[in-house]
Amino acid sequence: MLHTLARIGEEANKETIIWGVGGSLLLYFHGLLEHPRDIDILVAERDAGDLQALLSKLGKEQVVSAKEPFRTKYFSKYAMPSTKVDCMGALAIAHDAGVYRVDLTTQSIVGFQQVHGIPIPLCALEDWYVLYALMPDREDKVALLERYFAVHGIQHPGLFEQALQQPLPKKLHNRILQVIG
């Protein structure tokens, strides 16, 4: 998986694509999971087509259909050597209070992980806390992140503040307020 990620990073970084790793691999890089499921990549909406073209050269694109509650504008899946890759641009998740949207920007990239000598941009755990809380069947990840924040603190409180400006279910809105204290 990490070899595949380094290959993606090498090519995407040449093209100056704004992208970042999220999902279970992000949790792995923070020591929260031992075995990531796949590679989840968020990409800036303006760069989504370029990254999808790059990924199509590196792996085989899979046929996917839109699943509720997702309303993501650019979503594609790829079978790569030893792993699967999900690519999401203009990520959006519908819920009972509206639609929560994420367009990746350079401010959304909060760090880098060296993988086989290639700098891999990382999304913020705070953003993924909100995303996991909106996704079905991800309560385990939400609880894992809450425990992490309790021990390590919130590193990017502004991202939670931005999230609170978007439509969110009342329960999640209040939960974020509790997490940030």
N, C-alpha and C. Protein backbone atom coordinates (compact mmCIF):
# COMPACT_ATOMS: atom_id res chain seq x y z
N MET A 1 0.82 -1.19 0.00
CA MET A 1 0.00 0.00 0.00
C MET A 1 0.87 1.27 0.00
N LEU A 2 1.90 1.29 0.84
CA LEU A 2 2.73 2.48 0.93
C LEU A 2 3.54 2.71 -0.34
N HIS A 3 3.94 1.63 -0.99
CA HIS A 3 4.64 1.78 -2.28
C HIS A 3 3.71 2.45 -3.31
N THR A 4 2.47 2.02 -3.35
CA THR A 4 1.48 2.61 -4.25
C THR A 4 1.26 4.08 -3.91
N LEU A 5 1.15 4.38 -2.63
CA LEU A 5 0.97 5.77 -2.21
C LEU A 5 2.16 6.64 -2.62
N ALA A 6 3.37 6.11 -2.46
CA ALA A 6 4.56 6.88 -2.86
C ALA A 6 4.55 7.14 -4.37
N ARG A 7 4.13 6.17 -5.14
CA ARG A 7 4.05 6.34 -6.60
C ARG A 7 3.03 7.42 -6.96
N ILE A 8 1.87 7.39 -6.31
CA ILE A 8 0.86 8.42 -6.53
C ILE A 8 1.42 9.78 -6.15
N GLY A 9 2.05 9.85 -4.98
CA GLY A 9 2.62 11.11 -4.51
C GLY A 9 3.67 11.66 -5.43
N GLU A 10 4.52 10.80 -5.93
CA GLU A 10 5.58 11.24 -6.85
C GLU A 10 4.97 11.91 -8.08
N GLU A 11 3.96 11.28 -8.65
CA GLU A 11 3.33 11.82 -9.86
C GLU A 11 2.46 13.04 -9.58
N ALA A 12 1.66 13.00 -8.52
CA ALA A 12 0.77 14.12 -8.21
C ALA A 12 1.57 15.36 -7.81
N ASN A 13 2.67 15.18 -7.08
CA ASN A 13 3.48 16.32 -6.67
C ASN A 13 4.18 16.98 -7.85
N LYS A 14 4.51 16.22 -8.88
CA LYS A 14 5.09 16.81 -10.11
C LYS A 14 4.11 17.76 -10.76
N GLU A 15 2.84 17.45 -10.68
CA GLU A 15 1.79 18.22 -11.35
C GLU A 15 1.25 19.36 -10.49
N THR A 16 1.77 19.52 -9.30
CA THR A 16 1.29 20.52 -8.33
C THR A 16 -0.22 20.43 -8.09
N ILE A 17 -0.71 19.22 -8.01
CA ILE A 17 -2.11 18.95 -7.69
C ILE A 17 -2.29 19.15 -6.19
N ILE A 18 -3.37 19.81 -5.79
CA ILE A 18 -3.69 19.94 -4.37
C ILE A 18 -4.46 18.69 -3.97
N TRP A 19 -3.85 17.87 -3.13
CA TRP A 19 -4.44 16.60 -2.72
C TRP A 19 -3.97 16.29 -1.31
N GLY A 20 -4.67 15.38 -0.66
CA GLY A 20 -4.27 14.96 0.67
C GLY A 20 -4.86 13.62 1.03
N VAL A 21 -4.14 12.90 1.85
CA VAL A 21 -4.58 11.59 2.32
C VAL A 21 -5.49 11.76 3.52
N GLY A 22 -6.58 11.02 3.51
CA GLY A 22 -7.52 11.00 4.63
C GLY A 22 -7.86 9.57 4.97
N GLY A 23 -9.00 9.39 5.62
CA GLY A 23 -9.52 8.06 5.90
C GLY A 23 -8.64 7.23 6.81
N SER A 24 -8.72 5.92 6.64
CA SER A 24 -8.02 5.00 7.54
C SER A 24 -6.50 5.14 7.44
N LEU A 25 -5.99 5.53 6.29
CA LEU A 25 -4.55 5.69 6.15
C LEU A 25 -4.07 6.91 6.96
N LEU A 26 -4.87 7.96 6.99
CA LEU A 26 -4.56 9.12 7.83
C LEU A 26 -4.51 8.69 9.29
N LEU A 27 -5.49 7.90 9.71
CA LEU A 27 -5.50 7.41 11.09
C LEU A 27 -4.27 6.54 11.36
N TYR A 28 -3.86 5.75 10.40
CA TYR A 28 -2.66 4.92 10.51
C TYR A 28 -1.42 5.79 10.73
N PHE A 29 -1.29 6.86 9.94
CA PHE A 29 -0.13 7.74 10.07
C PHE A 29 -0.07 8.43 11.44
N HIS A 30 -1.20 8.57 12.09
CA HIS A 30 -1.24 9.17 13.43
C HIS A 30 -1.19 8.11 14.53
N GLY A 31 -0.97 6.85 14.15
CA GLY A 31 -0.84 5.78 15.12
C GLY A 31 -2.15 5.33 15.72
N LEU A 32 -3.26 5.61 15.04
CA LEU A 32 -4.58 5.27 15.57
C LEU A 32 -5.10 3.94 15.05
N LEU A 33 -4.60 3.48 13.94
CA LEU A 33 -4.99 2.18 13.37
C LEU A 33 -3.74 1.42 12.96
N GLU A 34 -3.81 0.12 13.08
CA GLU A 34 -2.68 -0.71 12.65
C GLU A 34 -2.78 -1.13 11.20
N HIS A 35 -4.01 -1.26 10.69
CA HIS A 35 -4.20 -1.80 9.35
C HIS A 35 -5.19 -0.93 8.56
N PRO A 36 -4.68 0.02 7.79
CA PRO A 36 -5.61 0.82 6.97
C PRO A 36 -6.27 -0.04 5.91
N ARG A 37 -7.51 0.32 5.57
CA ARG A 37 -8.28 -0.46 4.59
C ARG A 37 -7.84 -0.17 3.16
N ASP A 38 -7.65 1.11 2.86
CA ASP A 38 -7.36 1.52 1.49
C ASP A 38 -6.74 2.90 1.53
N ILE A 39 -6.57 3.51 0.39
CA ILE A 39 -6.06 4.87 0.31
C ILE A 39 -7.22 5.78 -0.08
N ASP A 40 -7.55 6.71 0.82
CA ASP A 40 -8.58 7.71 0.53
C ASP A 40 -7.87 9.03 0.25
N ILE A 41 -8.17 9.60 -0.90
CA ILE A 41 -7.54 10.85 -1.30
C ILE A 41 -8.61 11.90 -1.52
N LEU A 42 -8.44 13.04 -0.87
CA LEU A 42 -9.24 14.22 -1.19
C LEU A 42 -8.42 15.06 -2.15
N VAL A 43 -9.11 15.69 -3.09
CA VAL A 43 -8.43 16.52 -4.08
C VAL A 43 -9.23 17.80 -4.27
N ALA A 44 -8.52 18.90 -4.52
CA ALA A 44 -9.20 20.16 -4.81
C ALA A 44 -10.08 19.98 -6.04
N GLU A 45 -11.25 20.58 -6.02
CA GLU A 45 -12.18 20.43 -7.14
C GLU A 45 -11.51 20.80 -8.46
N ARG A 46 -10.72 21.86 -8.47
CA ARG A 46 -10.08 22.31 -9.71
C ARG A 46 -9.06 21.29 -10.25
N ASP A 47 -8.57 20.42 -9.38
CA ASP A 47 -7.55 19.43 -9.77
C ASP A 47 -8.10 18.01 -9.91
N ALA A 48 -9.40 17.84 -9.67
CA ALA A 48 -9.97 16.49 -9.65
C ALA A 48 -9.77 15.75 -10.96
N GLY A 49 -10.02 16.40 -12.08
CA GLY A 49 -9.85 15.74 -13.37
C GLY A 49 -8.41 15.32 -13.61
N ASP A 50 -7.46 16.19 -13.24
CA ASP A 50 -6.04 15.87 -13.43
C ASP A 50 -5.62 14.67 -12.58
N LEU A 51 -6.08 14.64 -11.32
CA LEU A 51 -5.71 13.52 -10.47
C LEU A 51 -6.37 12.23 -10.94
N GLN A 52 -7.62 12.31 -11.38
CA GLN A 52 -8.28 11.12 -11.89
C GLN A 52 -7.55 10.58 -13.13
N ALA A 53 -7.09 11.46 -14.00
CA ALA A 53 -6.34 11.02 -15.18
C ALA A 53 -5.03 10.34 -14.77
N LEU A 54 -4.36 10.92 -13.78
CA LEU A 54 -3.11 10.34 -13.28
C LEU A 54 -3.36 8.95 -12.68
N LEU A 55 -4.41 8.84 -11.85
CA LEU A 55 -4.71 7.56 -11.22
C LEU A 55 -5.11 6.51 -12.25
N SER A 56 -5.76 6.93 -13.33
CA SER A 56 -6.14 5.99 -14.40
C SER A 56 -4.92 5.40 -15.07
N LYS A 57 -3.82 6.15 -15.10
CA LYS A 57 -2.57 5.62 -15.68
C LYS A 57 -1.88 4.64 -14.74
N LEU A 58 -2.11 4.80 -13.44
CA LEU A 58 -1.42 3.97 -12.45
C LEU A 58 -2.21 2.73 -12.05
N GLY A 59 -3.53 2.74 -12.29
CA GLY A 59 -4.36 1.62 -11.88
C GLY A 59 -5.58 1.50 -12.77
N LYS A 60 -6.42 0.56 -12.44
CA LYS A 60 -7.63 0.32 -13.23
C LYS A 60 -8.82 0.96 -12.54
N GLU A 61 -9.48 1.89 -13.25
CA GLU A 61 -10.66 2.54 -12.69
C GLU A 61 -11.79 1.53 -12.56
N GLN A 62 -12.48 1.59 -11.42
CA GLN A 62 -13.60 0.69 -11.14
C GLN A 62 -14.92 1.41 -11.41
N VAL A 63 -15.91 0.68 -11.79
CA VAL A 63 -17.24 1.26 -12.00
C VAL A 63 -17.87 1.47 -10.63
N VAL A 64 -18.34 2.70 -10.39
CA VAL A 64 -18.99 3.00 -9.11
C VAL A 64 -20.29 3.74 -9.37
N SER A 65 -21.21 3.56 -8.46
CA SER A 65 -22.46 4.32 -8.54
C SER A 65 -22.59 5.14 -7.26
N ALA A 66 -23.31 6.23 -7.36
CA ALA A 66 -23.49 7.11 -6.21
C ALA A 66 -24.24 6.38 -5.11
N LYS A 67 -23.76 6.52 -3.88
CA LYS A 67 -24.41 5.91 -2.72
C LYS A 67 -24.83 7.01 -1.77
N GLU A 68 -25.99 6.82 -1.20
CA GLU A 68 -26.43 7.75 -0.15
C GLU A 68 -25.55 7.53 1.07
N PRO A 69 -25.21 8.53 1.78
CA PRO A 69 -25.64 9.93 1.72
C PRO A 69 -24.69 10.82 0.92
N PHE A 70 -23.81 10.22 0.13
CA PHE A 70 -22.77 11.00 -0.55
C PHE A 70 -23.32 11.74 -1.76
N ARG A 71 -22.86 12.98 -1.93
CA ARG A 71 -23.20 13.82 -3.07
C ARG A 71 -21.92 14.39 -3.68
N THR A 72 -20.87 13.64 -3.60
CA THR A 72 -19.56 14.07 -4.06
C THR A 72 -19.57 14.28 -5.56
N LYS A 73 -19.03 15.42 -5.99
CA LYS A 73 -19.05 15.78 -7.41
C LYS A 73 -18.10 14.90 -8.22
N TYR A 74 -16.90 14.68 -7.72
CA TYR A 74 -15.91 13.86 -8.41
C TYR A 74 -15.54 12.70 -7.51
N PHE A 75 -16.02 11.51 -7.84
CA PHE A 75 -15.68 10.33 -7.06
C PHE A 75 -15.26 9.22 -8.02
N SER A 76 -14.12 8.62 -7.73
CA SER A 76 -13.67 7.50 -8.54
C SER A 76 -12.90 6.53 -7.65
N LYS A 77 -12.91 5.26 -8.08
CA LYS A 77 -12.23 4.17 -7.37
C LYS A 77 -11.26 3.52 -8.36
N TYR A 78 -10.12 3.11 -7.81
CA TYR A 78 -9.10 2.48 -8.65
C TYR A 78 -8.56 1.24 -7.96
N ALA A 79 -8.35 0.20 -8.74
CA ALA A 79 -7.65 -0.98 -8.27
C ALA A 79 -6.18 -0.77 -8.60
N MET A 80 -5.36 -0.76 -7.57
CA MET A 80 -3.92 -0.55 -7.73
C MET A 80 -3.21 -1.80 -7.22
N PRO A 81 -1.94 -1.92 -7.53
CA PRO A 81 -1.21 -3.05 -6.96
C PRO A 81 -1.29 -3.03 -5.44
N SER A 82 -1.80 -4.07 -4.88
CA SER A 82 -1.90 -4.33 -3.44
C SER A 82 -2.90 -3.47 -2.67
N THR A 83 -3.67 -2.62 -3.34
CA THR A 83 -4.64 -1.82 -2.60
C THR A 83 -5.69 -1.20 -3.52
N LYS A 84 -6.67 -0.58 -2.91
CA LYS A 84 -7.69 0.18 -3.62
C LYS A 84 -7.49 1.65 -3.27
N VAL A 85 -7.85 2.53 -4.20
CA VAL A 85 -7.72 3.97 -3.99
C VAL A 85 -9.07 4.61 -4.30
N ASP A 86 -9.56 5.43 -3.36
CA ASP A 86 -10.75 6.24 -3.59
C ASP A 86 -10.29 7.68 -3.74
N CYS A 87 -10.79 8.35 -4.76
CA CYS A 87 -10.44 9.75 -5.04
C CYS A 87 -11.72 10.57 -4.99
N MET A 88 -11.69 11.64 -4.16
CA MET A 88 -12.89 12.45 -3.95
C MET A 88 -12.58 13.93 -4.11
N GLY A 89 -13.28 14.58 -5.03
CA GLY A 89 -13.17 16.02 -5.20
C GLY A 89 -14.53 16.64 -5.00
N ALA A 90 -14.57 17.76 -4.29
CA ALA A 90 -15.83 18.40 -3.92
C ALA A 90 -16.71 17.40 -3.16
N LEU A 91 -16.13 16.83 -2.12
CA LEU A 91 -16.81 15.85 -1.28
C LEU A 91 -18.03 16.50 -0.62
N ALA A 92 -19.14 15.81 -0.64
CA ALA A 92 -20.37 16.31 -0.01
C ALA A 92 -21.14 15.14 0.58
N ILE A 93 -21.69 15.38 1.77
CA ILE A 93 -22.47 14.35 2.46
C ILE A 93 -23.80 14.97 2.89
N ALA A 94 -24.89 14.35 2.42
CA ALA A 94 -26.22 14.82 2.79
C ALA A 94 -26.60 14.26 4.16
N HIS A 95 -27.37 15.06 4.90
CA HIS A 95 -27.86 14.65 6.21
C HIS A 95 -29.16 15.38 6.49
N ASP A 96 -29.76 15.15 7.63
CA ASP A 96 -31.09 15.70 7.90
C ASP A 96 -31.14 17.22 8.01
N ALA A 97 -30.01 17.89 8.15
CA ALA A 97 -30.01 19.35 8.26
C ALA A 97 -29.49 20.03 6.99
N GLY A 98 -29.14 19.25 5.96
CA GLY A 98 -28.63 19.83 4.72
C GLY A 98 -27.54 18.99 4.11
N VAL A 99 -26.58 19.66 3.49
CA VAL A 99 -25.44 18.98 2.85
C VAL A 99 -24.16 19.63 3.35
N TYR A 100 -23.25 18.80 3.86
CA TYR A 100 -21.94 19.25 4.32
C TYR A 100 -20.97 19.09 3.16
N ARG A 101 -20.22 20.15 2.85
CA ARG A 101 -19.32 20.14 1.69
C ARG A 101 -17.86 20.39 2.09
N VAL A 102 -16.97 19.70 1.41
CA VAL A 102 -15.53 19.89 1.62
C VAL A 102 -14.88 20.08 0.25
N ASP A 103 -14.29 21.25 0.04
CA ASP A 103 -13.43 21.43 -1.12
C ASP A 103 -12.03 21.63 -0.59
N LEU A 104 -11.18 20.69 -0.87
CA LEU A 104 -9.82 20.71 -0.35
C LEU A 104 -9.08 21.95 -0.84
N THR A 105 -8.36 22.61 0.08
CA THR A 105 -7.51 23.74 -0.25
C THR A 105 -6.13 23.50 0.37
N THR A 106 -5.19 24.34 0.07
CA THR A 106 -3.86 24.19 0.67
C THR A 106 -3.93 24.35 2.19
N GLN A 107 -4.90 25.11 2.70
CA GLN A 107 -5.06 25.26 4.14
C GLN A 107 -5.56 23.97 4.80
N SER A 108 -6.17 23.10 4.01
CA SER A 108 -6.66 21.83 4.52
C SER A 108 -5.55 20.81 4.72
N ILE A 109 -4.40 21.07 4.12
CA ILE A 109 -3.24 20.19 4.27
C ILE A 109 -2.46 20.66 5.48
N VAL A 110 -2.40 19.83 6.51
CA VAL A 110 -1.83 20.27 7.78
C VAL A 110 -0.49 19.62 8.11
N GLY A 111 0.00 18.78 7.23
CA GLY A 111 1.28 18.14 7.47
C GLY A 111 1.65 17.23 6.32
N PHE A 112 2.83 16.64 6.43
CA PHE A 112 3.32 15.73 5.41
C PHE A 112 3.93 14.51 6.08
N GLN A 113 3.78 13.38 5.43
CA GLN A 113 4.38 12.13 5.88
C GLN A 113 5.32 11.67 4.78
N GLN A 114 6.57 11.44 5.12
CA GLN A 114 7.52 10.92 4.14
C GLN A 114 7.24 9.43 3.94
N VAL A 115 7.02 9.04 2.70
CA VAL A 115 6.80 7.63 2.36
C VAL A 115 7.75 7.31 1.21
N HIS A 116 8.72 6.46 1.50
CA HIS A 116 9.75 6.10 0.52
C HIS A 116 10.38 7.35 -0.09
N GLY A 117 10.62 8.36 0.75
CA GLY A 117 11.27 9.58 0.31
C GLY A 117 10.37 10.60 -0.38
N ILE A 118 9.10 10.31 -0.47
CA ILE A 118 8.15 11.20 -1.15
C ILE A 118 7.28 11.88 -0.09
N PRO A 119 7.17 13.22 -0.12
CA PRO A 119 6.29 13.89 0.84
C PRO A 119 4.82 13.69 0.46
N ILE A 120 4.07 13.11 1.39
CA ILE A 120 2.66 12.83 1.17
C ILE A 120 1.84 13.82 2.01
N PRO A 121 1.01 14.66 1.37
CA PRO A 121 0.21 15.63 2.12
C PRO A 121 -0.89 14.94 2.91
N LEU A 122 -1.09 15.42 4.14
CA LEU A 122 -2.08 14.83 5.03
C LEU A 122 -3.21 15.82 5.32
N CYS A 123 -4.42 15.32 5.28
CA CYS A 123 -5.58 16.10 5.69
C CYS A 123 -5.59 16.18 7.22
N ALA A 124 -6.45 17.01 7.75
CA ALA A 124 -6.54 17.19 9.20
C ALA A 124 -7.47 16.16 9.83
N LEU A 125 -7.07 15.69 10.99
CA LEU A 125 -7.94 14.79 11.75
C LEU A 125 -9.25 15.47 12.10
N GLU A 126 -9.23 16.77 12.33
CA GLU A 126 -10.45 17.50 12.65
C GLU A 126 -11.46 17.41 11.50
N ASP A 127 -10.99 17.56 10.26
CA ASP A 127 -11.90 17.43 9.12
C ASP A 127 -12.47 16.02 9.04
N TRP A 128 -11.63 15.02 9.28
CA TRP A 128 -12.10 13.64 9.18
C TRP A 128 -12.99 13.24 10.35
N TYR A 129 -12.85 13.91 11.47
CA TYR A 129 -13.79 13.69 12.57
C TYR A 129 -15.20 14.03 12.11
N VAL A 130 -15.36 15.20 11.49
CA VAL A 130 -16.67 15.64 11.02
C VAL A 130 -17.17 14.70 9.92
N LEU A 131 -16.32 14.35 8.98
CA LEU A 131 -16.73 13.46 7.89
C LEU A 131 -17.16 12.10 8.42
N TYR A 132 -16.37 11.51 9.30
CA TYR A 132 -16.74 10.21 9.86
C TYR A 132 -18.07 10.31 10.63
N ALA A 133 -18.28 11.42 11.33
CA ALA A 133 -19.52 11.58 12.10
C ALA A 133 -20.74 11.65 11.18
N LEU A 134 -20.54 12.11 9.95
CA LEU A 134 -21.64 12.20 8.99
C LEU A 134 -21.83 10.93 8.17
N MET A 135 -20.83 10.08 8.13
CA MET A 135 -20.91 8.84 7.36
C MET A 135 -21.62 7.76 8.17
N PRO A 136 -22.38 6.91 7.49
CA PRO A 136 -23.00 5.80 8.22
C PRO A 136 -21.97 4.79 8.71
N ASP A 137 -22.21 4.24 9.88
CA ASP A 137 -21.41 3.14 10.43
C ASP A 137 -19.94 3.48 10.66
N ARG A 138 -19.67 4.70 11.09
CA ARG A 138 -18.29 5.10 11.39
C ARG A 138 -18.13 5.58 12.83
N GLU A 139 -19.07 5.21 13.69
CA GLU A 139 -19.02 5.65 15.09
C GLU A 139 -17.73 5.22 15.78
N ASP A 140 -17.19 4.06 15.39
CA ASP A 140 -15.93 3.61 15.99
C ASP A 140 -14.80 4.59 15.70
N LYS A 141 -14.76 5.13 14.49
CA LYS A 141 -13.72 6.10 14.12
C LYS A 141 -13.93 7.43 14.86
N VAL A 142 -15.18 7.84 15.01
CA VAL A 142 -15.50 9.07 15.73
C VAL A 142 -15.03 8.94 17.18
N ALA A 143 -15.34 7.83 17.83
CA ALA A 143 -14.92 7.61 19.21
C ALA A 143 -13.40 7.55 19.33
N LEU A 144 -12.75 6.92 18.37
CA LEU A 144 -11.29 6.84 18.34
C LEU A 144 -10.69 8.24 18.28
N LEU A 145 -11.24 9.09 17.42
CA LEU A 145 -10.73 10.46 17.29
C LEU A 145 -11.03 11.29 18.54
N GLU A 146 -12.17 11.08 19.16
CA GLU A 146 -12.47 11.80 20.39
C GLU A 146 -11.45 11.46 21.49
N ARG A 147 -11.10 10.19 21.58
CA ARG A 147 -10.08 9.79 22.57
C ARG A 147 -8.73 10.42 22.24
N TYR A 148 -8.40 10.45 20.95
CA TYR A 148 -7.14 11.06 20.51
C TYR A 148 -7.11 12.54 20.88
N PHE A 149 -8.19 13.26 20.58
CA PHE A 149 -8.24 14.70 20.89
C PHE A 149 -8.17 14.93 22.40
N ALA A 150 -8.76 14.05 23.20
CA ALA A 150 -8.73 14.20 24.65
C ALA A 150 -7.29 14.10 25.17
N VAL A 151 -6.48 13.27 24.54
CA VAL A 151 -5.09 13.08 24.98
C VAL A 151 -4.16 14.12 24.35
N HIS A 152 -4.31 14.35 23.04
CA HIS A 152 -3.36 15.18 22.30
C HIS A 152 -3.83 16.60 22.04
N GLY A 153 -5.09 16.86 22.32
CA GLY A 153 -5.63 18.19 22.07
C GLY A 153 -6.04 18.38 20.62
N ILE A 154 -6.70 19.49 20.39
CA ILE A 154 -7.12 19.88 19.04
C ILE A 154 -5.98 20.68 18.42
N GLN A 155 -5.48 20.23 17.30
CA GLN A 155 -4.37 20.92 16.65
C GLN A 155 -4.84 22.04 15.71
N HIS A 156 -6.04 21.89 15.16
CA HIS A 156 -6.54 22.83 14.15
C HIS A 156 -7.97 23.24 14.48
N PRO A 157 -8.15 24.02 15.55
CA PRO A 157 -9.51 24.39 15.98
C PRO A 157 -10.26 25.19 14.92
N GLY A 158 -9.55 25.93 14.08
CA GLY A 158 -10.21 26.71 13.03
C GLY A 158 -10.99 25.83 12.07
N LEU A 159 -10.56 24.60 11.88
CA LEU A 159 -11.28 23.70 10.99
C LEU A 159 -12.62 23.29 11.60
N PHE A 160 -12.65 23.11 12.92
CA PHE A 160 -13.93 22.85 13.58
C PHE A 160 -14.83 24.08 13.49
N GLU A 161 -14.25 25.26 13.66
CA GLU A 161 -15.04 26.49 13.55
C GLU A 161 -15.64 26.63 12.15
N GLN A 162 -14.86 26.29 11.12
CA GLN A 162 -15.38 26.31 9.75
C GLN A 162 -16.51 25.30 9.59
N ALA A 163 -16.33 24.12 10.16
CA ALA A 163 -17.35 23.08 10.06
C ALA A 163 -18.65 23.55 10.69
N LEU A 164 -18.56 24.26 11.80
CA LEU A 164 -19.75 24.72 12.50
C LEU A 164 -20.51 25.80 11.71
N GLN A 165 -19.89 26.36 10.69
CA GLN A 165 -20.55 27.35 9.84
C GLN A 165 -21.40 26.70 8.76
N GLN A 166 -21.24 25.41 8.58
CA GLN A 166 -22.01 24.67 7.58
C GLN A 166 -23.20 23.99 8.24
N PRO A 167 -24.17 23.56 7.41
CA PRO A 167 -25.29 22.81 8.00
C PRO A 167 -24.79 21.49 8.59
N LEU A 168 -25.16 21.25 9.83
CA LEU A 168 -24.81 20.02 10.52
C LEU A 168 -26.01 19.58 11.35
N PRO A 169 -26.17 18.28 11.54
CA PRO A 169 -27.20 17.84 12.48
C PRO A 169 -26.91 18.44 13.86
N LYS A 170 -27.95 18.80 14.58
CA LYS A 170 -27.81 19.45 15.89
C LYS A 170 -26.94 18.61 16.83
N LYS A 171 -27.15 17.30 16.81
CA LYS A 171 -26.38 16.41 17.69
C LYS A 171 -24.88 16.50 17.39
N LEU A 172 -24.50 16.54 16.11
CA LEU A 172 -23.09 16.65 15.73
C LEU A 172 -22.56 18.04 16.07
N HIS A 173 -23.35 19.06 15.82
CA HIS A 173 -22.95 20.42 16.16
C HIS A 173 -22.58 20.50 17.65
N ASN A 174 -23.44 19.96 18.49
CA ASN A 174 -23.19 19.97 19.93
C ASN A 174 -21.99 19.10 20.30
N ARG A 175 -21.83 17.98 19.61
CA ARG A 175 -20.70 17.08 19.89
C ARG A 175 -19.37 17.77 19.56
N ILE A 176 -19.34 18.52 18.46
CA ILE A 176 -18.12 19.27 18.12
C ILE A 176 -17.82 20.30 19.18
N LEU A 177 -18.83 20.99 19.63
CA LEU A 177 -18.64 21.99 20.69
C LEU A 177 -18.07 21.34 21.95
N GLN A 178 -18.53 20.13 22.28
CA GLN A 178 -17.98 19.41 23.44
C GLN A 178 -16.52 19.05 23.22
N VAL A 179 -16.19 18.61 22.02
CA VAL A 179 -14.81 18.20 21.73
C VAL A 179 -13.86 19.38 21.84
N ILE A 180 -14.28 20.53 21.34
CA ILE A 180 -13.38 21.69 21.38
C ILE A 180 -13.41 22.41 22.73
N GLY A 181 -14.36 22.01 23.59
CA GLY A 181 -14.39 22.55 24.95
C GLY A 181 -14.96 23.94 24.98
